[in-house]
């Protein structure tokens, strides 16, 4: 049965009773090693907070989402398309830095397609420096509390034989048993106008093999939450990975094109997604910009 949340005066589709009720309803930055220690660690909960599709000059929403970060401690992630329209030095200086730039010291970014509209995404790597991982590669690993966090690059080869996937296998095997959160730009599953993007299917297959828990993406300028599923879009409550689309950082919003299989909540909304990562579990809360009535929150258990 379909249920509708409400975004201002606009009804927003939610696809479960839990999703319908959810509508009403810190960790210091780790160093930037190319690999992380293989041992599983425990500790206090870690907070990650962020969004993608962010730095659009003249967007009041970009300023508003940055203001949300001012009152949320933790590591800031980005899910790509940080600076519009083409990820140039000027775009980072004029459109990203005046707002989200004040959180640069605690930000762990990923690039999007707009970064690569400037050759090799060079201004992105220059702007974020070591926090963006090894130059020109754009994928890296770090710890957030007891969790392994992997920032990947959907704008370079990510097929089964790629260097990125070989590196990914190595990181996951070294950290066997750790709860795992992964983020990149282009979503494998989507109800948005760009639609599902198969570029990261082999990545998802490896993540599923190693029992990863959560994937965050951007690209679609909206918020969407999926039920756990495998790389082929089959619902999998036992070993499936939950995907969030968080293209909500400030760029002009998109309306969904229908509702994809396993989508639980989809909404055209600006805001940030806060995740609290504890030993064996995670909690999410979508924090909208002031004036929005949409809410989404919940929890999950690691595999």
C-alpha atoms as a PDB file:
ATOM      1  CA  UNK A   1       0.000   0.000   0.000  1.00  0.00           C
ATOM      2  CA  UNK A   2       1.333   3.456  -0.861  1.00  0.00           C
ATOM      3  CA  UNK A   3       1.554   6.240   1.679  1.00  0.00           C
ATOM      4  CA  UNK A   4       2.378   9.890   1.205  1.00  0.00           C
ATOM      5  CA  UNK A   5       4.593  12.142   3.259  1.00  0.00           C
ATOM      6  CA  UNK A   6       4.258  15.868   2.792  1.00  0.00           C
ATOM      7  CA  UNK A   7       6.952  18.338   1.765  1.00  0.00           C
ATOM      8  CA  UNK A   8       5.364  21.731   2.348  1.00  0.00           C
ATOM      9  CA  UNK A   9       2.218  21.583   0.249  1.00  0.00           C
ATOM     10  CA  UNK A  10       3.650  18.818  -1.953  1.00  0.00           C
ATOM     11  CA  UNK A  11       2.782  15.172  -1.252  1.00  0.00           C
ATOM     12  CA  UNK A  12       5.816  12.905  -1.239  1.00  0.00           C
ATOM     13  CA  UNK A  13       5.488   9.203  -1.897  1.00  0.00           C
ATOM     14  CA  UNK A  14       6.546   6.706   0.767  1.00  0.00           C
ATOM     15  CA  UNK A  15       6.224   2.987   0.214  1.00  0.00           C
ATOM     16  CA  UNK A  16       5.809   1.403   3.624  1.00  0.00           C
ATOM     17  CA  UNK A  17       4.052   1.955   6.924  1.00  0.00           C
ATOM     18  CA  UNK A  18       7.472   2.403   8.516  1.00  0.00           C
ATOM     19  CA  UNK A  19       8.392   4.971   5.897  1.00  0.00           C
ATOM     20  CA  UNK A  20       5.134   6.803   6.406  1.00  0.00           C
ATOM     21  CA  UNK A  21       5.644   7.051  10.144  1.00  0.00           C
ATOM     22  CA  UNK A  22       9.255   8.171   9.625  1.00  0.00           C
ATOM     23  CA  UNK A  23       8.024  11.190   7.688  1.00  0.00           C
ATOM     24  CA  UNK A  24       6.722  12.618  10.923  1.00  0.00           C
ATOM     25  CA  UNK A  25       9.058  11.383  12.616  1.00  0.00           C
ATOM     26  CA  UNK A  26      31.162  12.955  17.098  1.00  0.00           C
ATOM     27  CA  UNK A  27      33.807  11.592  15.797  1.00  0.00           C
ATOM     28  CA  UNK A  28      37.099  13.414  15.066  1.00  0.00           C
ATOM     29  CA  UNK A  29      38.394  13.212  11.506  1.00  0.00           C
ATOM     30  CA  UNK A  30      40.629  10.186  10.998  1.00  0.00           C
ATOM     31  CA  UNK A  31      44.026  10.438   9.296  1.00  0.00           C
ATOM     32  CA  UNK A  32      44.148   9.815   5.558  1.00  0.00           C
ATOM     33  CA  UNK A  33      46.021   6.519   5.110  1.00  0.00           C
ATOM     34  CA  UNK A  34      45.855   4.672   1.816  1.00  0.00           C
ATOM     35  CA  UNK A  35      44.833   1.636   3.838  1.00  0.00           C
ATOM     36  CA  UNK A  36      43.320   1.174   7.269  1.00  0.00           C
ATOM     37  CA  UNK A  37      44.403  -1.164  10.075  1.00  0.00           C
ATOM     38  CA  UNK A  38      43.049  -4.695   9.632  1.00  0.00           C
ATOM     39  CA  UNK A  39      41.931  -5.027  13.244  1.00  0.00           C
ATOM     40  CA  UNK A  40      38.339  -4.371  14.251  1.00  0.00           C
ATOM     41  CA  UNK A  41      38.111  -1.660  16.886  1.00  0.00           C
ATOM     42  CA  UNK A  42      35.346  -0.504  19.194  1.00  0.00           C
ATOM     43  CA  UNK A  43      34.672   2.885  20.657  1.00  0.00           C
ATOM     44  CA  UNK A  44      32.104   5.624  21.107  1.00  0.00           C
ATOM     45  CA  UNK A  45      29.588   6.280  18.304  1.00  0.00           C
ATOM     46  CA  UNK A  46      30.876   8.265  15.332  1.00  0.00           C
ATOM     47  CA  UNK A  47      28.865  10.835  13.402  1.00  0.00           C
ATOM     48  CA  UNK A  48      28.985  11.384   9.645  1.00  0.00           C
ATOM     49  CA  UNK A  49      26.893  14.171   8.116  1.00  0.00           C
ATOM     50  CA  UNK A  50      26.665  15.588   4.631  1.00  0.00           C
ATOM     51  CA  UNK A  51      25.111  15.621   1.178  1.00  0.00           C
ATOM     52  CA  UNK A  52      26.074  15.979  -2.461  1.00  0.00           C
ATOM     53  CA  UNK A  53      25.223  18.321  -5.338  1.00  0.00           C
ATOM     54  CA  UNK A  54      26.182  21.312  -3.262  1.00  0.00           C
ATOM     55  CA  UNK A  55      27.984  24.450  -4.407  1.00  0.00           C
ATOM     56  CA  UNK A  56      25.709  26.395  -6.736  1.00  0.00           C
ATOM     57  CA  UNK A  57      26.432  30.116  -6.793  1.00  0.00           C
ATOM     58  CA  UNK A  58      23.403  32.148  -5.761  1.00  0.00           C
ATOM     59  CA  UNK A  59      21.615  29.185  -4.170  1.00  0.00           C
ATOM     60  CA  UNK A  60      20.089  30.032  -0.810  1.00  0.00           C
ATOM     61  CA  UNK A  61      19.832  26.294  -0.187  1.00  0.00           C
ATOM     62  CA  UNK A  62      23.627  25.906  -0.350  1.00  0.00           C
ATOM     63  CA  UNK A  63      23.974  28.464   2.419  1.00  0.00           C
ATOM     64  CA  UNK A  64      21.159  26.835   4.401  1.00  0.00           C
ATOM     65  CA  UNK A  65      22.634  23.313   4.296  1.00  0.00           C
ATOM     66  CA  UNK A  66      26.019  24.691   5.352  1.00  0.00           C
ATOM     67  CA  UNK A  67      24.300  26.322   8.328  1.00  0.00           C
ATOM     68  CA  UNK A  68      22.906  22.912   9.322  1.00  0.00           C
ATOM     69  CA  UNK A  69      26.456  21.590   9.486  1.00  0.00           C
ATOM     70  CA  UNK A  70      27.379  24.390  11.892  1.00  0.00           C
ATOM     71  CA  UNK A  71      25.365  22.689  14.625  1.00  0.00           C
ATOM     72  CA  UNK A  72      26.206  19.044  13.898  1.00  0.00           C
ATOM     73  CA  UNK A  73      29.556  17.691  15.045  1.00  0.00           C
ATOM     74  CA  UNK A  74      31.352  14.882  13.254  1.00  0.00           C
ATOM     75  CA  UNK A  75      32.964  14.147   9.919  1.00  0.00           C
ATOM     76  CA  UNK A  76      31.414  15.851   6.884  1.00  0.00           C
ATOM     77  CA  UNK A  77      31.115  13.691   3.763  1.00  0.00           C
ATOM     78  CA  UNK A  78      30.165  14.816   0.275  1.00  0.00           C
ATOM     79  CA  UNK A  79      28.613  12.612  -2.402  1.00  0.00           C
ATOM     80  CA  UNK A  80      29.989  14.499  -5.405  1.00  0.00           C
ATOM     81  CA  UNK A  81      29.179  17.498  -7.586  1.00  0.00           C
ATOM     82  CA  UNK A  82      30.663  19.772  -4.968  1.00  0.00           C
ATOM     83  CA  UNK A  83      31.059  22.890  -7.166  1.00  0.00           C
ATOM     84  CA  UNK A  84      28.896  23.898 -10.121  1.00  0.00           C
ATOM     85  CA  UNK A  85      28.809  24.130 -13.041  1.00  0.00           C
ATOM     86  CA  UNK A  86      32.123  22.510 -13.973  1.00  0.00           C
ATOM     87  CA  UNK A  87      34.228  22.013 -10.865  1.00  0.00           C
ATOM     88  CA  UNK A  88      36.616  24.788 -11.834  1.00  0.00           C
ATOM     89  CA  UNK A  89      38.908  26.657  -9.458  1.00  0.00           C
ATOM     90  CA  UNK A  90      36.507  29.591  -9.655  1.00  0.00           C
ATOM     91  CA  UNK A  91      33.515  27.357  -8.880  1.00  0.00           C
ATOM     92  CA  UNK A  92      35.189  26.036  -5.746  1.00  0.00           C
ATOM     93  CA  UNK A  93      36.272  29.532  -4.713  1.00  0.00           C
ATOM     94  CA  UNK A  94      32.976  31.316  -5.403  1.00  0.00           C
ATOM     95  CA  UNK A  95      30.256  28.677  -5.025  1.00  0.00           C
ATOM     96  CA  UNK A  96      31.478  26.036  -2.553  1.00  0.00           C
ATOM     97  CA  UNK A  97      34.015  27.709  -0.315  1.00  0.00           C
ATOM     98  CA  UNK A  98      31.867  30.617   1.012  1.00  0.00           C
ATOM     99  CA  UNK A  99      29.488  28.133   2.656  1.00  0.00           C
ATOM    100  CA  UNK A 100      30.598  24.504   2.967  1.00  0.00           C
ATOM    101  CA  UNK A 101      34.227  25.645   2.850  1.00  0.00           C
ATOM    102  CA  UNK A 102      34.206  26.571   6.515  1.00  0.00           C
ATOM    103  CA  UNK A 103      33.906  22.838   7.240  1.00  0.00           C
ATOM    104  CA  UNK A 104      36.729  21.836   4.898  1.00  0.00           C
ATOM    105  CA  UNK A 105      38.998  20.758   7.755  1.00  0.00           C
ATOM    106  CA  UNK A 106      36.588  17.961   8.736  1.00  0.00           C
ATOM    107  CA  UNK A 107      35.359  17.062   5.242  1.00  0.00           C
ATOM    108  CA  UNK A 108      36.042  13.785   3.447  1.00  0.00           C
ATOM    109  CA  UNK A 109      34.728  14.295  -0.105  1.00  0.00           C
ATOM    110  CA  UNK A 110      34.069  12.299  -3.240  1.00  0.00           C
ATOM    111  CA  UNK A 111      33.989  13.739  -6.780  1.00  0.00           C
ATOM    112  CA  UNK A 112      31.052  13.823  -9.175  1.00  0.00           C
ATOM    113  CA  UNK A 113      30.629  14.211 -12.902  1.00  0.00           C
ATOM    114  CA  UNK A 114      30.674  18.009 -12.658  1.00  0.00           C
ATOM    115  CA  UNK A 115      34.169  17.894 -11.112  1.00  0.00           C
ATOM    116  CA  UNK A 116      35.356  16.003 -14.176  1.00  0.00           C
ATOM    117  CA  UNK A 117      34.047  18.667 -16.537  1.00  0.00           C
ATOM    118  CA  UNK A 118      37.414  20.256 -15.752  1.00  0.00           C
ATOM    119  CA  UNK A 119      40.261  18.020 -16.950  1.00  0.00           C
ATOM    120  CA  UNK A 120      40.956  15.207 -14.506  1.00  0.00           C
ATOM    121  CA  UNK A 121      39.012  16.955 -11.748  1.00  0.00           C
ATOM    122  CA  UNK A 122      42.236  18.838 -10.939  1.00  0.00           C
ATOM    123  CA  UNK A 123      40.663  21.763  -9.008  1.00  0.00           C
ATOM    124  CA  UNK A 124      38.779  19.278  -6.810  1.00  0.00           C
ATOM    125  CA  UNK A 125      41.995  17.537  -5.807  1.00  0.00           C
ATOM    126  CA  UNK A 126      43.768  20.849  -5.285  1.00  0.00           C
ATOM    127  CA  UNK A 127      40.959  22.280  -3.158  1.00  0.00           C
ATOM    128  CA  UNK A 128      40.536  19.303  -0.825  1.00  0.00           C
ATOM    129  CA  UNK A 129      44.176  18.195  -0.840  1.00  0.00           C
ATOM    130  CA  UNK A 130      45.040  15.072   1.162  1.00  0.00           C
ATOM    131  CA  UNK A 131      41.432  14.771   2.397  1.00  0.00           C
ATOM    132  CA  UNK A 132      40.383  13.689  -1.113  1.00  0.00           C
ATOM    133  CA  UNK A 133      42.738  10.719  -1.114  1.00  0.00           C
ATOM    134  CA  UNK A 134      45.709  10.128  -3.408  1.00  0.00           C
ATOM    135  CA  UNK A 135      45.837  12.702  -6.263  1.00  0.00           C
ATOM    136  CA  UNK A 136      43.958  11.753  -9.432  1.00  0.00           C
ATOM    137  CA  UNK A 137      42.703   8.522  -7.829  1.00  0.00           C
ATOM    138  CA  UNK A 138      39.923   9.852  -5.621  1.00  0.00           C
ATOM    139  CA  UNK A 139      39.185   6.726  -3.569  1.00  0.00           C
ATOM    140  CA  UNK A 140      40.404   6.060  -0.058  1.00  0.00           C
ATOM    141  CA  UNK A 141      39.535   4.500   3.306  1.00  0.00           C
ATOM    142  CA  UNK A 142      39.292   5.700   6.887  1.00  0.00           C
ATOM    143  CA  UNK A 143      37.837   4.708  10.231  1.00  0.00           C
ATOM    144  CA  UNK A 144      34.846   6.311  11.929  1.00  0.00           C
ATOM    145  CA  UNK A 145      34.664   4.798  15.383  1.00  0.00           C
ATOM    146  CA  UNK A 146      34.495   1.031  14.884  1.00  0.00           C
ATOM    147  CA  UNK A 147      33.310   1.393  11.276  1.00  0.00           C
ATOM    148  CA  UNK A 148      35.272   1.072   8.055  1.00  0.00           C
ATOM    149  CA  UNK A 149      34.382   3.953   5.711  1.00  0.00           C
ATOM    150  CA  UNK A 150      35.224   3.812   2.003  1.00  0.00           C
ATOM    151  CA  UNK A 151      35.000   6.843  -0.300  1.00  0.00           C
ATOM    152  CA  UNK A 152      34.905   5.716  -3.945  1.00  0.00           C
ATOM    153  CA  UNK A 153      35.079   7.431  -7.323  1.00  0.00           C
ATOM    154  CA  UNK A 154      32.236   6.698  -9.731  1.00  0.00           C
ATOM    155  CA  UNK A 155      33.857   8.882 -12.431  1.00  0.00           C
ATOM    156  CA  UNK A 156      36.751   6.498 -13.178  1.00  0.00           C
ATOM    157  CA  UNK A 157      36.758   2.795 -14.127  1.00  0.00           C
ATOM    158  CA  UNK A 158      34.966   0.660 -11.539  1.00  0.00           C
ATOM    159  CA  UNK A 159      34.538  -2.617 -13.389  1.00  0.00           C
ATOM    160  CA  UNK A 160      35.483  -6.010 -11.986  1.00  0.00           C
ATOM    161  CA  UNK A 161      39.074  -5.825 -13.241  1.00  0.00           C
ATOM    162  CA  UNK A 162      39.691  -2.166 -12.435  1.00  0.00           C
ATOM    163  CA  UNK A 163      42.377  -0.940 -10.055  1.00  0.00           C
ATOM    164  CA  UNK A 164      39.654   0.605  -7.903  1.00  0.00           C
ATOM    165  CA  UNK A 165      37.806  -2.683  -7.403  1.00  0.00           C
ATOM    166  CA  UNK A 166      41.044  -4.566  -6.734  1.00  0.00           C
ATOM    167  CA  UNK A 167      41.882  -1.990  -4.062  1.00  0.00           C
ATOM    168  CA  UNK A 168      38.342  -2.271  -2.673  1.00  0.00           C
ATOM    169  CA  UNK A 169      38.656  -6.043  -2.284  1.00  0.00           C
ATOM    170  CA  UNK A 170      41.910  -5.581  -0.433  1.00  0.00           C
ATOM    171  CA  UNK A 171      40.430  -3.069   2.012  1.00  0.00           C
ATOM    172  CA  UNK A 172      37.376  -5.197   2.711  1.00  0.00           C
ATOM    173  CA  UNK A 173      39.392  -8.356   3.250  1.00  0.00           C
ATOM    174  CA  UNK A 174      41.790  -6.579   5.621  1.00  0.00           C
ATOM    175  CA  UNK A 175      38.902  -5.226   7.681  1.00  0.00           C
ATOM    176  CA  UNK A 176      36.840  -8.424   7.696  1.00  0.00           C
ATOM    177  CA  UNK A 177      34.095  -8.249  10.289  1.00  0.00           C
ATOM    178  CA  UNK A 178      33.897  -4.457  10.499  1.00  0.00           C
ATOM    179  CA  UNK A 179      30.638  -2.624   9.885  1.00  0.00           C
ATOM    180  CA  UNK A 180      31.084  -0.840   6.563  1.00  0.00           C
ATOM    181  CA  UNK A 181      29.734   2.387   5.052  1.00  0.00           C
ATOM    182  CA  UNK A 182      30.606   3.385   1.482  1.00  0.00           C
ATOM    183  CA  UNK A 183      29.873   6.511  -0.535  1.00  0.00           C
ATOM    184  CA  UNK A 184      30.260   7.764  -4.092  1.00  0.00           C
ATOM    185  CA  UNK A 185      28.357   9.928  -6.602  1.00  0.00           C
ATOM    186  CA  UNK A 186      26.281   7.986  -9.175  1.00  0.00           C
ATOM    187  CA  UNK A 187      23.559   5.752  -7.652  1.00  0.00           C
ATOM    188  CA  UNK A 188      23.140   2.187  -8.833  1.00  0.00           C
ATOM    189  CA  UNK A 189      19.436   2.435  -7.913  1.00  0.00           C
ATOM    190  CA  UNK A 190      17.297   5.539  -8.382  1.00  0.00           C
ATOM    191  CA  UNK A 191      13.771   6.874  -8.881  1.00  0.00           C
ATOM    192  CA  UNK A 192      15.178  10.132 -10.254  1.00  0.00           C
ATOM    193  CA  UNK A 193      15.381  11.465 -13.802  1.00  0.00           C
ATOM    194  CA  UNK A 194      18.923  10.145 -14.336  1.00  0.00           C
ATOM    195  CA  UNK A 195      17.663   6.663 -13.487  1.00  0.00           C
ATOM    196  CA  UNK A 196      19.695   3.695 -12.298  1.00  0.00           C
ATOM    197  CA  UNK A 197      23.378   3.890 -13.280  1.00  0.00           C
ATOM    198  CA  UNK A 198      25.024   0.465 -13.781  1.00  0.00           C
ATOM    199  CA  UNK A 199      28.581   1.845 -13.585  1.00  0.00           C
ATOM    200  CA  UNK A 200      28.972   0.760  -9.959  1.00  0.00           C
ATOM    201  CA  UNK A 201      27.261  -2.645 -10.165  1.00  0.00           C
ATOM    202  CA  UNK A 202      30.534  -4.566  -9.892  1.00  0.00           C
ATOM    203  CA  UNK A 203      31.420  -2.461  -6.858  1.00  0.00           C
ATOM    204  CA  UNK A 204      28.068  -3.334  -5.279  1.00  0.00           C
ATOM    205  CA  UNK A 205      28.666  -7.021  -6.030  1.00  0.00           C
ATOM    206  CA  UNK A 206      31.952  -6.903  -4.106  1.00  0.00           C
ATOM    207  CA  UNK A 207      30.352  -4.948  -1.249  1.00  0.00           C
ATOM    208  CA  UNK A 208      27.568  -7.525  -1.023  1.00  0.00           C
ATOM    209  CA  UNK A 209      30.113 -10.346  -1.010  1.00  0.00           C
ATOM    210  CA  UNK A 210      31.873  -8.758   1.959  1.00  0.00           C
ATOM    211  CA  UNK A 211      28.654  -7.868   3.836  1.00  0.00           C
ATOM    212  CA  UNK A 212      28.850  -4.082   3.590  1.00  0.00           C
ATOM    213  CA  UNK A 213      25.980  -2.273   5.258  1.00  0.00           C
ATOM    214  CA  UNK A 214      25.270   1.229   3.909  1.00  0.00           C
ATOM    215  CA  UNK A 215      25.867   3.091   0.621  1.00  0.00           C
ATOM    216  CA  UNK A 216      25.447   6.857   0.191  1.00  0.00           C
ATOM    217  CA  UNK A 217      25.214   8.511  -3.243  1.00  0.00           C
ATOM    218  CA  UNK A 218      24.240  11.795  -4.884  1.00  0.00           C
ATOM    219  CA  UNK A 219      23.722  12.800  -8.551  1.00  0.00           C
ATOM    220  CA  UNK A 220      19.919  12.897  -8.289  1.00  0.00           C
ATOM    221  CA  UNK A 221      18.951  16.211  -6.648  1.00  0.00           C
ATOM    222  CA  UNK A 222      16.599  14.687  -4.108  1.00  0.00           C
ATOM    223  CA  UNK A 223      16.511  12.373  -1.096  1.00  0.00           C
ATOM    224  CA  UNK A 224      15.717   8.689  -1.426  1.00  0.00           C
ATOM    225  CA  UNK A 225      16.037   5.719   0.910  1.00  0.00           C
ATOM    226  CA  UNK A 226      15.989   2.101  -0.257  1.00  0.00           C
ATOM    227  CA  UNK A 227      15.407  -1.152   1.567  1.00  0.00           C
ATOM    228  CA  UNK A 228      18.433  -3.466   1.680  1.00  0.00           C
ATOM    229  CA  UNK A 229      19.048  -5.155  -1.673  1.00  0.00           C
ATOM    230  CA  UNK A 230      21.682  -6.953  -3.721  1.00  0.00           C
ATOM    231  CA  UNK A 231      23.497  -5.728  -6.839  1.00  0.00           C
ATOM    232  CA  UNK A 232      20.650  -6.839  -9.102  1.00  0.00           C
ATOM    233  CA  UNK A 233      17.965  -4.972  -7.165  1.00  0.00           C
ATOM    234  CA  UNK A 234      16.580  -8.013  -5.360  1.00  0.00           C
ATOM    235  CA  UNK A 235      15.327  -7.305  -1.854  1.00  0.00           C
ATOM    236  CA  UNK A 236      17.653  -8.945   0.647  1.00  0.00           C
ATOM    237  CA  UNK A 237      16.793  -8.466   4.302  1.00  0.00           C
ATOM    238  CA  UNK A 238      19.659 -10.703   5.453  1.00  0.00           C
ATOM    239  CA  UNK A 239      22.732  -9.483   3.544  1.00  0.00           C
ATOM    240  CA  UNK A 240      21.401  -6.624   1.436  1.00  0.00           C
ATOM    241  CA  UNK A 241      22.900  -3.121   1.420  1.00  0.00           C
ATOM    242  CA  UNK A 242      20.790  -0.059   2.205  1.00  0.00           C
ATOM    243  CA  UNK A 243      21.312   2.825  -0.247  1.00  0.00           C
ATOM    244  CA  UNK A 244      20.547   6.487   0.367  1.00  0.00           C
ATOM    245  CA  UNK A 245      20.539   9.162  -2.327  1.00  0.00           C
ATOM    246  CA  UNK A 246      21.500  12.488  -0.761  1.00  0.00           C
ATOM    247  CA  UNK A 247      21.771  14.928  -3.667  1.00  0.00           C
ATOM    248  CA  UNK A 248      20.304  17.549  -1.393  1.00  0.00           C
ATOM    249  CA  UNK A 249      23.120  20.011  -0.720  1.00  0.00           C
ATOM    250  CA  UNK A 250      21.912  23.058  -2.641  1.00  0.00           C
ATOM    251  CA  UNK A 251      21.508  22.442  -6.382  1.00  0.00           C
ATOM    252  CA  UNK A 252      18.040  22.805  -7.953  1.00  0.00           C
ATOM    253  CA  UNK A 253      15.835  19.886  -6.921  1.00  0.00           C
ATOM    254  CA  UNK A 254      14.548  17.088  -9.145  1.00  0.00           C
ATOM    255  CA  UNK A 255      11.172  15.371  -9.038  1.00  0.00           C
ATOM    256  CA  UNK A 256      11.180  11.559  -9.067  1.00  0.00           C
ATOM    257  CA  UNK A 257      10.149   9.642 -12.182  1.00  0.00           C
ATOM    258  CA  UNK A 258       7.844   7.119 -10.555  1.00  0.00           C
ATOM    259  CA  UNK A 259       9.164   4.894  -7.770  1.00  0.00           C
ATOM    260  CA  UNK A 260      11.951   2.355  -8.200  1.00  0.00           C
ATOM    261  CA  UNK A 261      11.673  -1.166  -6.751  1.00  0.00           C
ATOM    262  CA  UNK A 262      12.600  -1.329  -3.062  1.00  0.00           C
ATOM    263  CA  UNK A 263      12.390   2.461  -2.670  1.00  0.00           C
ATOM    264  CA  UNK A 264      10.942   3.277   0.744  1.00  0.00           C
ATOM    265  CA  UNK A 265      10.987   7.095   0.792  1.00  0.00           C
ATOM    266  CA  UNK A 266      11.647   9.659  -1.946  1.00  0.00           C
ATOM    267  CA  UNK A 267      11.356  13.432  -1.586  1.00  0.00           C
ATOM    268  CA  UNK A 268      12.524  16.582  -3.413  1.00  0.00           C
ATOM    269  CA  UNK A 269      14.078  18.307  -0.407  1.00  0.00           C
ATOM    270  CA  UNK A 270      17.223  20.197   0.609  1.00  0.00           C
ATOM    271  CA  UNK A 271      19.053  19.119   3.753  1.00  0.00           C
ATOM    272  CA  UNK A 272      21.762  16.842   5.113  1.00  0.00           C
ATOM    273  CA  UNK A 273      21.790  13.202   6.151  1.00  0.00           C
ATOM    274  CA  UNK A 274      23.262  12.516   9.578  1.00  0.00           C
ATOM    275  CA  UNK A 275      24.425   8.989  10.391  1.00  0.00           C
ATOM    276  CA  UNK A 276      25.412   7.844  13.850  1.00  0.00           C
ATOM    277  CA  UNK A 277      27.612   4.756  13.656  1.00  0.00           C
ATOM    278  CA  UNK A 278      27.815   2.633  16.795  1.00  0.00           C
ATOM    279  CA  UNK A 279      29.201  -0.834  17.458  1.00  0.00           C
ATOM    280  CA  UNK A 280      26.998  -3.160  15.418  1.00  0.00           C
ATOM    281  CA  UNK A 281      24.312  -0.637  14.435  1.00  0.00           C
ATOM    282  CA  UNK A 282      23.596   2.627  12.626  1.00  0.00           C
ATOM    283  CA  UNK A 283      21.017   5.383  12.975  1.00  0.00           C
ATOM    284  CA  UNK A 284      20.005   7.834  10.276  1.00  0.00           C
ATOM    285  CA  UNK A 285      18.276  11.196  10.429  1.00  0.00           C
ATOM    286  CA  UNK A 286      17.545  13.444   7.471  1.00  0.00           C
ATOM    287  CA  UNK A 287      17.811  17.051   8.664  1.00  0.00           C
ATOM    288  CA  UNK A 288      15.965  19.444   6.310  1.00  0.00           C
ATOM    289  CA  UNK A 289      16.656  23.135   5.878  1.00  0.00           C
ATOM    290  CA  UNK A 290      14.426  25.485   7.915  1.00  0.00           C
ATOM    291  CA  UNK A 291      10.834  25.704   6.742  1.00  0.00           C
ATOM    292  CA  UNK A 292      10.605  22.119   5.478  1.00  0.00           C
ATOM    293  CA  UNK A 293       8.310  19.686   7.259  1.00  0.00           C
ATOM    294  CA  UNK A 294       9.715  16.444   5.813  1.00  0.00           C
ATOM    295  CA  UNK A 295      11.526  14.124   8.216  1.00  0.00           C
ATOM    296  CA  UNK A 296      13.028  10.661   7.883  1.00  0.00           C
ATOM    297  CA  UNK A 297      14.851   8.676  10.560  1.00  0.00           C
ATOM    298  CA  UNK A 298      15.475   5.095  11.524  1.00  0.00           C
ATOM    299  CA  UNK A 299      18.070   2.486  12.410  1.00  0.00           C
ATOM    300  CA  UNK A 300      19.660  -0.695  11.175  1.00  0.00           C
ATOM    301  CA  UNK A 301      21.881  -3.501  12.414  1.00  0.00           C
ATOM    302  CA  UNK A 302      25.198  -4.444  10.809  1.00  0.00           C
ATOM    303  CA  UNK A 303      25.532  -7.781   9.090  1.00  0.00           C
END
